[in-house]
């Protein structure tokens, strides 16, 4: 019994010792990781929690509307849009994914669906937008100031504006006359503000056969031309049309029934776009003149060269096709003739001889179109300017005039008129002095005839 009692006492002592060890260890943390030291009075910066916007187009549009509405104070449209720009710049939105929708909101108040209708499922609408404002430049310009700010900070947004404009241009038939006027003004401001939209992409969308046939494209383009030229020059407009590859295709934007050049140009004049109409008329003339010059140059420089009759037939055919005046045909004929003469390395006498030989060969070409005093004078001035601009030809002018007179291509009255007051300003003093002996001879011959 004594041994059993001692065994119980020993077991109890072991348990007590174990319990003491466990209690001692529980006073220390279970982890041995060291804590970072901190300084009293120092604020530790923490990352701001981003507002999570669901990644879908509808939620993006709603977020843009909410930001703009919250930023607006109603003082003025300009101030509200400036505040909207700041709010949008500080927001963490998926601009790279939904750039198109951003501009759709500012154009129409929300996302655009089929037929230029707003998406029905969207909850929010921006009441201040381009299609809801007055149809004038002053009302729409503040939005383009906003667009310029947004695209400067995020250049990739230019593509979104471009896509939105294309979508609107392809939906012209769904807008009324006032809506199309607003879009025409917006298109003009897009390029006046030089935001970076590629002109060719916009105008390619407008060359839609269905929309062109309905006349809506010409309607919008007329407003576009008017508004653009109100602030910018014709040279700026032409430069943009060239970049868009449509400078030679303006008439293609008119309905098929109005594509006769004369009628199309009259439409432009009726809309107060006379300067643009004049430019397009001259452009067409230049194209026809270049075609004539190429044809005549090829004919005269052919090996063997074509006969004067064949060359004359080509000139008459081209004149009939393009309705060019005789003065232009004479000018082009002279330039074509000079291209057939190699002046390199030749002295004054050789140049004169080669030139006179060519004039004798193709004299009938010039005689056919020098049909009146006006055309004759135009020919003399064309030759005068050419001789002035090429120093090798300075001393050839009088000899050329004599040949034209002897060949009965240019009459005495025309030569006298040129001498007294009809000459071109370029080199007038030089040529008038050189030809004085010939003029004196003409006057003496006339007195003898009397």
Protein backbone atom coordinates (compact mmCIF):
# COMPACT_ATOMS: atom_id res chain seq x y z
CA UNK A 1 0.00 0.00 0.00
CA UNK A 2 2.86 2.32 0.87
CA UNK A 3 4.40 1.72 -2.58
CA UNK A 4 1.06 2.42 -4.32
CA UNK A 5 0.67 5.64 -2.36
CA UNK A 6 4.17 6.80 -3.34
CA UNK A 7 3.38 6.03 -7.03
CA UNK A 8 0.28 8.31 -6.93
CA UNK A 9 2.34 11.10 -5.35
CA UNK A 10 5.04 10.79 -8.09
CA UNK A 11 2.47 10.94 -10.95
CA UNK A 12 0.84 14.03 -9.44
CA UNK A 13 4.21 15.77 -9.18
CA UNK A 14 4.99 15.02 -12.87
CA UNK A 15 1.60 16.46 -13.97
CA UNK A 16 2.14 19.62 -11.95
CA UNK A 17 5.55 20.16 -13.51
CA UNK A 18 4.17 19.71 -17.01
CA UNK A 19 1.36 22.16 -16.32
CA UNK A 20 3.87 24.73 -15.10
CA UNK A 21 5.89 24.41 -18.32
CA UNK A 22 2.79 24.93 -20.51
CA UNK A 23 1.75 27.99 -18.51
CA UNK A 24 5.22 29.50 -18.86
CA UNK A 25 5.26 29.12 -22.72
CA UNK A 26 1.77 30.69 -23.10
CA UNK A 27 3.10 34.07 -21.99
CA UNK A 28 4.97 34.54 -25.35
CA UNK A 29 3.47 35.06 -28.92
CA UNK A 30 3.19 31.97 -31.05
CA UNK A 31 4.82 33.75 -34.10
CA UNK A 32 8.46 34.70 -34.12
CA UNK A 33 8.04 37.32 -36.97
CA UNK A 34 9.44 40.71 -36.03
CA UNK A 35 7.10 43.72 -36.11
CA UNK A 36 8.12 46.80 -38.09
CA UNK A 37 9.01 49.84 -36.02
CA UNK A 38 6.80 52.90 -36.18
CA UNK A 39 7.41 56.59 -35.48
CA UNK A 40 5.01 58.54 -33.39
CA UNK A 41 3.35 61.47 -35.20
CA UNK A 42 4.06 60.16 -38.74
CA UNK A 43 1.12 59.32 -41.02
CA UNK A 44 1.69 56.26 -43.13
CA UNK A 45 0.20 56.71 -46.63
CA UNK A 46 -2.10 53.97 -47.80
CA UNK A 47 -3.40 53.39 -51.36
CA UNK A 48 -6.82 54.82 -51.98
CA UNK A 49 -9.45 52.24 -52.71
CA UNK A 50 -10.66 52.56 -56.35
CA UNK A 51 -14.35 52.66 -57.00
CA UNK A 52 -15.17 49.46 -58.82
CA UNK A 53 -17.23 50.02 -61.96
CA UNK A 54 -18.64 46.93 -63.64
CA UNK A 55 -16.88 46.39 -66.95
CA UNK A 56 -19.79 46.70 -69.36
CA UNK A 57 -20.71 49.53 -71.75
CA UNK A 58 -23.98 50.41 -70.03
CA UNK A 59 -22.33 50.86 -66.62
CA UNK A 60 -19.56 52.91 -68.22
CA UNK A 61 -22.09 55.25 -69.84
CA UNK A 62 -23.98 55.60 -66.53
CA UNK A 63 -20.73 56.39 -64.71
CA UNK A 64 -19.84 59.13 -67.25
CA UNK A 65 -23.29 60.69 -66.90
CA UNK A 66 -23.10 60.56 -63.09
CA UNK A 67 -19.65 62.17 -63.01
CA UNK A 68 -20.76 64.98 -65.32
CA UNK A 69 -23.97 65.62 -63.40
CA UNK A 70 -22.22 65.66 -60.03
CA UNK A 71 -19.55 68.06 -61.34
CA UNK A 72 -22.02 70.54 -62.87
CA UNK A 73 -23.11 73.59 -60.88
CA UNK A 74 -25.42 75.09 -63.51
CA UNK A 75 -23.58 78.43 -63.76
CA UNK A 76 -22.74 78.00 -67.46
CA UNK A 77 -22.27 75.25 -70.00
CA UNK A 78 -18.59 76.09 -70.38
CA UNK A 79 -18.00 75.84 -66.62
CA UNK A 80 -19.98 72.59 -66.37
CA UNK A 81 -17.99 70.99 -69.20
CA UNK A 82 -14.71 72.19 -67.71
CA UNK A 83 -15.69 70.63 -64.39
CA UNK A 84 -16.74 67.46 -66.22
CA UNK A 85 -13.28 67.28 -67.84
CA UNK A 86 -11.60 67.41 -64.42
CA UNK A 87 -13.95 64.79 -62.99
CA UNK A 88 -13.41 62.45 -65.93
CA UNK A 89 -9.66 62.94 -65.79
CA UNK A 90 -9.56 61.82 -62.15
CA UNK A 91 -11.90 58.86 -62.55
CA UNK A 92 -10.63 55.31 -62.97
CA UNK A 93 -12.77 54.29 -65.94
CA UNK A 94 -12.10 51.98 -68.86
CA UNK A 95 -11.48 54.78 -71.37
CA UNK A 96 -9.32 52.64 -73.61
CA UNK A 97 -12.13 50.12 -73.97
CA UNK A 98 -15.14 52.44 -74.11
CA UNK A 99 -13.80 55.61 -75.78
CA UNK A 100 -16.60 55.50 -78.36
CA UNK A 101 -19.25 55.52 -75.66
CA UNK A 102 -17.66 58.50 -73.93
CA UNK A 103 -18.24 60.67 -77.01
CA UNK A 104 -21.65 59.16 -77.72
CA UNK A 105 -22.75 60.43 -74.31
CA UNK A 106 -21.66 63.98 -75.15
CA UNK A 107 -23.19 63.87 -78.61
CA UNK A 108 -26.52 62.23 -77.78
CA UNK A 109 -26.78 61.91 -73.99
CA UNK A 110 -26.16 58.17 -73.89
CA UNK A 111 -25.14 55.12 -75.84
CA UNK A 112 -26.21 55.02 -79.48
CA UNK A 113 -27.89 51.91 -80.76
CA UNK A 114 -29.31 50.98 -84.14
CA UNK A 115 -30.84 53.85 -86.07
CA UNK A 116 -29.18 56.44 -83.83
CA UNK A 117 -31.59 55.54 -81.01
CA UNK A 118 -30.42 55.64 -77.40
CA UNK A 119 -29.93 52.27 -75.73
CA UNK A 120 -33.15 51.55 -73.82
CA UNK A 121 -31.49 49.53 -71.06
CA UNK A 122 -29.26 52.39 -69.86
CA UNK A 123 -30.52 54.07 -66.69
CA UNK A 124 -28.88 57.47 -66.99
CA UNK A 125 -29.10 60.25 -69.61
CA UNK A 126 -26.97 63.38 -69.96
CA UNK A 127 -29.45 66.18 -70.68
CA UNK A 128 -26.78 68.62 -71.92
CA UNK A 129 -25.44 67.22 -75.19
CA UNK A 130 -24.72 68.37 -78.73
CA UNK A 131 -27.90 67.03 -80.31
CA UNK A 132 -29.98 68.68 -77.58
CA UNK A 133 -28.44 72.16 -77.82
CA UNK A 134 -29.11 75.01 -80.23
CA UNK A 135 -28.07 74.47 -83.84
CA UNK A 136 -25.34 77.09 -83.95
CA UNK A 137 -21.59 77.28 -83.62
CA UNK A 138 -21.51 79.08 -80.25
CA UNK A 139 -23.66 76.41 -78.59
CA UNK A 140 -21.65 73.45 -79.91
CA UNK A 141 -18.12 74.87 -79.59
CA UNK A 142 -17.81 74.27 -75.78
CA UNK A 143 -18.12 70.54 -76.36
CA UNK A 144 -15.17 70.60 -78.73
CA UNK A 145 -13.11 72.48 -76.19
CA UNK A 146 -13.89 69.55 -73.87
CA UNK A 147 -12.97 67.03 -76.60
CA UNK A 148 -9.67 68.82 -77.18
CA UNK A 149 -8.88 68.65 -73.46
CA UNK A 150 -9.75 64.96 -73.20
CA UNK A 151 -7.80 63.93 -76.29
CA UNK A 152 -4.72 65.90 -75.30
CA UNK A 153 -4.54 64.05 -72.00
CA UNK A 154 -5.44 60.72 -73.57
CA UNK A 155 -4.53 60.81 -77.30
CA UNK A 156 -5.94 57.32 -77.84
CA UNK A 157 -9.41 58.84 -77.35
CA UNK A 158 -9.16 60.48 -80.80
CA UNK A 159 -10.10 57.13 -82.25
CA UNK A 160 -13.22 57.10 -80.10
CA UNK A 161 -14.30 60.50 -81.41
CA UNK A 162 -13.59 59.38 -84.96
CA UNK A 163 -15.67 56.21 -84.56
CA UNK A 164 -18.53 58.21 -83.06
CA UNK A 165 -18.54 60.66 -85.96
CA UNK A 166 -18.53 57.79 -88.47
CA UNK A 167 -21.47 56.18 -86.66
CA UNK A 168 -23.39 59.45 -86.74
CA UNK A 169 -22.59 60.08 -90.42
CA UNK A 170 -23.88 56.63 -91.33
CA UNK A 171 -27.10 57.40 -89.46
CA UNK A 172 -27.90 60.75 -91.13
CA UNK A 173 -31.23 59.53 -92.48
CA UNK A 174 -32.54 59.09 -88.93
CA UNK A 175 -32.05 62.76 -88.02
CA UNK A 176 -34.28 65.65 -88.98
CA UNK A 177 -33.05 68.77 -90.77
CA UNK A 178 -32.06 70.49 -87.52
CA UNK A 179 -30.19 67.41 -86.33
CA UNK A 180 -28.28 67.18 -89.59
CA UNK A 181 -27.37 70.85 -89.32
CA UNK A 182 -25.90 70.22 -85.85
CA UNK A 183 -23.87 67.34 -87.22
CA UNK A 184 -22.61 69.51 -90.08
CA UNK A 185 -21.48 72.14 -87.57
CA UNK A 186 -19.88 69.46 -85.39
CA UNK A 187 -18.00 68.10 -88.38
CA UNK A 188 -16.65 71.56 -89.20
CA UNK A 189 -15.56 72.13 -85.59
CA UNK A 190 -13.83 68.75 -85.53
CA UNK A 191 -11.38 69.96 -88.17
CA UNK A 192 -11.31 73.62 -87.16
CA UNK A 193 -10.18 72.63 -83.65
CA UNK A 194 -7.57 70.28 -85.19
CA UNK A 195 -8.27 67.51 -82.71
CA UNK A 196 -6.53 64.89 -84.83
CA UNK A 197 -9.38 63.00 -86.47
CA UNK A 198 -8.34 61.56 -89.85
CA UNK A 199 -10.40 63.31 -92.59
CA UNK A 200 -10.33 60.37 -95.02
CA UNK A 201 -12.06 58.07 -92.53
CA UNK A 202 -14.95 60.49 -92.02
CA UNK A 203 -15.52 61.36 -95.66
CA UNK A 204 -15.22 57.75 -96.74
CA UNK A 205 -18.25 57.04 -94.54
CA UNK A 206 -20.15 59.87 -96.22
CA UNK A 207 -19.60 58.33 -99.65
CA UNK A 208 -22.43 55.93 -98.92
CA UNK A 209 -24.53 55.42 -102.05
CA UNK A 210 -27.82 55.15 -100.15
CA UNK A 211 -27.27 58.32 -98.12
CA UNK A 212 -25.87 60.23 -101.09
CA UNK A 213 -28.89 59.33 -103.21
CA UNK A 214 -31.24 60.68 -100.52
CA UNK A 215 -29.47 64.04 -100.50
CA UNK A 216 -28.68 63.97 -96.78
CA UNK A 217 -24.93 63.86 -97.37
CA UNK A 218 -24.92 66.97 -99.57
CA UNK A 219 -27.11 68.71 -96.99
CA UNK A 220 -24.63 68.03 -94.18
CA UNK A 221 -21.60 68.83 -96.34
CA UNK A 222 -23.10 72.19 -97.34
CA UNK A 223 -23.39 73.14 -93.66
CA UNK A 224 -19.91 71.78 -93.07
CA UNK A 225 -18.44 73.96 -95.85
CA UNK A 226 -20.31 77.05 -94.62
CA UNK A 227 -19.22 76.64 -91.01
CA UNK A 228 -15.63 75.73 -91.80
CA UNK A 229 -15.14 78.69 -94.13
CA UNK A 230 -16.69 81.02 -91.54
CA UNK A 231 -13.47 80.80 -89.51
CA UNK A 232 -10.90 79.09 -91.73
CA UNK A 233 -9.55 79.89 -95.18
CA UNK A 234 -10.34 78.25 -98.50
CA UNK A 235 -6.70 77.10 -98.60
CA UNK A 236 -7.21 75.29 -95.28
CA UNK A 237 -10.34 73.63 -96.61
CA UNK A 238 -8.65 72.56 -99.85
CA UNK A 239 -5.70 71.16 -97.89
CA UNK A 240 -8.07 69.07 -95.79
CA UNK A 241 -9.97 67.85 -98.87
CA UNK A 242 -6.68 66.79 -100.44
CA UNK A 243 -5.72 64.85 -97.28
CA UNK A 244 -9.12 63.18 -97.38
CA UNK A 245 -8.56 62.18 -101.04
CA UNK A 246 -11.80 63.85 -102.13
CA UNK A 247 -10.58 67.14 -103.63
CA UNK A 248 -11.37 65.79 -107.11
CA UNK A 249 -14.63 64.12 -106.07
CA UNK A 250 -16.85 66.82 -104.56
CA UNK A 251 -19.56 66.24 -107.15
CA UNK A 252 -19.75 62.57 -106.04
CA UNK A 253 -21.40 63.71 -102.80
CA UNK A 254 -24.37 65.07 -104.72
CA UNK A 255 -27.36 62.88 -105.68
CA UNK A 256 -27.00 61.32 -109.14
CA UNK A 257 -29.55 63.76 -110.60
CA UNK A 258 -27.43 66.75 -109.53
CA UNK A 259 -24.00 65.64 -110.67
CA UNK A 260 -23.79 67.79 -113.77
CA UNK A 261 -20.85 70.08 -112.87
CA UNK A 262 -22.64 73.29 -113.81
CA UNK A 263 -25.68 72.38 -111.68
CA UNK A 264 -23.52 71.28 -108.77
CA UNK A 265 -21.53 74.51 -108.84
CA UNK A 266 -24.76 76.49 -108.93
CA UNK A 267 -25.94 74.68 -105.80
CA UNK A 268 -22.74 75.76 -104.06
CA UNK A 269 -23.19 79.35 -105.19
CA UNK A 270 -26.80 79.39 -103.96
CA UNK A 271 -25.50 78.30 -100.54
CA UNK A 272 -23.05 81.20 -100.40
CA UNK A 273 -20.10 79.01 -101.37
CA UNK A 274 -19.09 80.85 -104.52
CA UNK A 275 -15.38 80.75 -103.67
CA UNK A 276 -15.49 76.96 -103.34
CA UNK A 277 -17.44 76.68 -106.62
CA UNK A 278 -14.87 78.83 -108.42
CA UNK A 279 -12.05 76.72 -107.02
CA UNK A 280 -13.70 73.51 -108.20
CA UNK A 281 -14.32 74.96 -111.67
CA UNK A 282 -10.67 75.94 -111.92
CA UNK A 283 -9.60 72.53 -110.63
CA UNK A 284 -11.61 70.84 -113.38
CA UNK A 285 -10.10 73.18 -115.95
CA UNK A 286 -6.59 72.41 -114.70
CA UNK A 287 -7.25 68.68 -115.00
CA UNK A 288 -8.47 69.07 -118.59
CA UNK A 289 -5.55 71.36 -119.43
CA UNK A 290 -3.06 68.82 -118.08
CA UNK A 291 -4.70 66.09 -120.14
CA UNK A 292 -4.50 68.26 -123.27
CA UNK A 293 -0.87 69.16 -122.62
CA UNK A 294 0.11 65.53 -122.15
CA UNK A 295 -1.67 64.53 -125.37
CA UNK A 296 -0.13 67.33 -127.45
CA UNK A 297 3.35 66.82 -126.01
CA UNK A 298 3.19 63.12 -126.77
CA UNK A 299 1.99 63.83 -130.31
CA UNK A 300 4.65 66.46 -131.09
CA UNK A 301 7.54 64.55 -129.51
CA UNK A 302 6.60 61.20 -131.05
CA UNK A 303 9.23 59.46 -133.16
CA UNK A 304 8.44 60.03 -135.93
CA UNK A 305 6.35 63.09 -134.91
CA UNK A 306 2.73 63.23 -135.97
CA UNK A 307 1.72 65.54 -138.78
CA UNK A 308 0.29 68.96 -138.00
CA UNK A 309 -3.12 67.70 -139.19
CA UNK A 310 -3.07 64.82 -136.71
CA UNK A 311 -1.94 67.08 -133.88
CA UNK A 312 -4.65 69.58 -134.76
CA UNK A 313 -7.29 66.83 -134.67
CA UNK A 314 -6.16 65.81 -131.17
CA UNK A 315 -6.31 69.41 -129.97
CA UNK A 316 -9.82 69.95 -131.36
CA UNK A 317 -11.08 66.68 -129.89
CA UNK A 318 -9.73 67.50 -126.41
CA UNK A 319 -11.10 71.03 -126.61
CA UNK A 320 -14.55 69.66 -127.46
CA UNK A 321 -14.47 67.14 -124.61
CA UNK A 322 -13.42 69.62 -121.95
CA UNK A 323 -14.96 72.83 -123.31
CA UNK A 324 -11.66 74.70 -122.91
CA UNK A 325 -11.40 78.26 -124.24
CA UNK A 326 -9.14 78.96 -127.23
CA UNK A 327 -6.79 80.95 -125.00
CA UNK A 328 -6.05 77.84 -122.91
CA UNK A 329 -5.56 75.66 -125.98
CA UNK A 330 -3.05 78.17 -127.38
CA UNK A 331 -1.15 78.36 -124.09
CA UNK A 332 -0.97 74.57 -123.78
CA UNK A 333 0.03 74.20 -127.44
CA UNK A 334 2.95 76.58 -126.89
CA UNK A 335 4.13 74.68 -123.79
CA UNK A 336 3.87 71.36 -125.65
CA UNK A 337 5.83 72.79 -128.57
CA UNK A 338 8.63 74.01 -126.29
CA UNK A 339 8.92 70.59 -124.64
CA UNK A 340 9.71 69.17 -128.08
CA UNK A 341 12.77 71.42 -128.40
CA UNK A 342 16.01 70.53 -126.65
CA UNK A 343 17.59 73.83 -125.53
CA UNK A 344 20.43 72.27 -123.57
CA UNK A 345 23.88 73.40 -124.67
CA UNK A 346 22.59 75.53 -127.55
CA UNK A 347 23.48 79.15 -128.19
CA UNK A 348 21.08 81.98 -128.97
CA UNK A 349 21.19 81.46 -132.73
CA UNK A 350 20.67 77.69 -132.51
CA UNK A 351 17.72 78.10 -130.13
CA UNK A 352 16.08 80.67 -132.39
CA UNK A 353 16.56 78.50 -135.47
CA UNK A 354 15.13 75.35 -133.80
CA UNK A 355 12.19 77.29 -132.42
CA UNK A 356 11.32 78.96 -135.70
CA UNK A 357 11.48 75.62 -137.50
CA UNK A 358 8.98 74.10 -135.06
CA UNK A 359 6.68 77.09 -135.37
CA UNK A 360 6.72 76.79 -139.17
CA UNK A 361 5.86 73.10 -138.92
CA UNK A 362 2.97 73.53 -136.47
CA UNK A 363 1.83 77.00 -137.46
CA UNK A 364 -1.61 75.70 -138.49
CA UNK A 365 -2.15 74.45 -134.94
CA UNK A 366 -1.83 77.99 -133.58
CA UNK A 367 -3.71 79.59 -136.46
CA UNK A 368 -6.71 77.34 -135.82
CA UNK A 369 -7.23 78.67 -132.28
CA UNK A 370 -5.94 82.26 -132.64
CA UNK A 371 -9.36 83.11 -134.02
CA UNK A 372 -9.78 86.62 -132.56
CA UNK A 373 -7.84 89.49 -131.04
CA UNK A 374 -8.28 88.23 -127.49
CA UNK A 375 -6.84 84.81 -128.31
CA UNK A 376 -3.97 86.37 -130.29
CA UNK A 377 -3.08 88.65 -127.38
CA UNK A 378 -3.20 85.70 -124.97
CA UNK A 379 -0.74 83.83 -127.21
CA UNK A 380 1.66 86.81 -127.28
CA UNK A 381 1.58 87.11 -123.49
CA UNK A 382 2.10 83.37 -123.05
CA UNK A 383 5.22 83.57 -125.21
CA UNK A 384 6.37 86.75 -123.44
CA UNK A 385 6.18 85.16 -119.98
CA UNK A 386 7.89 82.00 -121.21
CA UNK A 387 10.77 83.96 -122.75
CA UNK A 388 11.13 86.05 -119.59
CA UNK A 389 11.27 83.05 -117.27
CA UNK A 390 13.90 81.25 -119.37
CA UNK A 391 16.89 83.57 -119.83
CA UNK A 392 18.00 81.58 -122.89
CA UNK A 393 14.85 82.81 -124.64
CA UNK A 394 15.10 86.53 -123.80
CA UNK A 395 16.37 87.54 -127.24
CA UNK A 396 13.99 85.25 -129.15
CA UNK A 397 10.75 87.10 -128.49
CA UNK A 398 10.88 89.61 -131.35
CA UNK A 399 11.81 86.92 -133.90
CA UNK A 400 8.88 84.79 -132.72
CA UNK A 401 6.47 87.71 -133.09
CA UNK A 402 7.75 88.37 -136.62
CA UNK A 403 7.17 84.74 -137.57
CA UNK A 404 3.65 84.77 -136.12
CA UNK A 405 2.93 87.94 -138.08
CA UNK A 406 4.31 86.58 -141.35
CA UNK A 407 2.34 83.34 -140.91
CA UNK A 408 -0.81 85.42 -140.35
CA UNK A 409 -1.33 83.84 -136.92
CA UNK A 410 -1.20 87.18 -135.07
CA UNK A 411 -2.43 90.38 -136.71
CA UNK A 412 -0.86 93.82 -136.80
CA UNK A 413 -3.59 95.37 -134.63
CA UNK A 414 -2.97 92.81 -131.89
CA UNK A 415 0.79 93.42 -131.96
CA UNK A 416 0.24 97.18 -131.74
CA UNK A 417 -2.19 96.73 -128.83
CA UNK A 418 0.31 94.50 -127.05
CA UNK A 419 3.06 97.09 -127.57
CA UNK A 420 0.99 100.04 -126.28
CA UNK A 421 -0.83 98.59 -123.27
CA UNK A 422 -1.59 94.89 -123.60
CA UNK A 423 1.72 93.31 -122.59
CA UNK A 424 2.24 91.24 -119.44
CA UNK A 425 4.10 92.93 -116.55
CA UNK A 426 6.87 90.32 -116.59
CA UNK A 427 9.76 91.72 -118.61
CA UNK A 428 7.57 94.38 -120.22
CA UNK A 429 10.29 97.02 -120.42
CA UNK A 430 12.83 94.63 -121.96
CA UNK A 431 10.54 93.19 -124.62
CA UNK A 432 8.90 96.49 -125.54
CA UNK A 433 12.33 98.05 -126.15
CA UNK A 434 13.53 95.07 -128.22
CA UNK A 435 10.47 95.09 -130.46
CA UNK A 436 10.45 98.85 -131.11
CA UNK A 437 12.20 98.56 -134.50
CA UNK A 438 9.64 96.02 -135.69
CA UNK A 439 6.77 98.23 -134.49
CA UNK A 440 8.31 101.17 -136.34
CA UNK A 441 8.55 99.05 -139.47
CA UNK A 442 4.86 98.11 -139.16
CA UNK A 443 3.87 101.77 -138.85
CA UNK A 444 5.94 102.80 -141.84
CA UNK A 445 4.54 99.96 -143.94
CA UNK A 446 1.04 101.04 -143.03
CA UNK A 447 1.80 104.64 -144.06
CA UNK A 448 3.12 103.45 -147.41
CA UNK A 449 -0.04 101.44 -147.99
CA UNK A 450 -2.10 104.53 -147.32
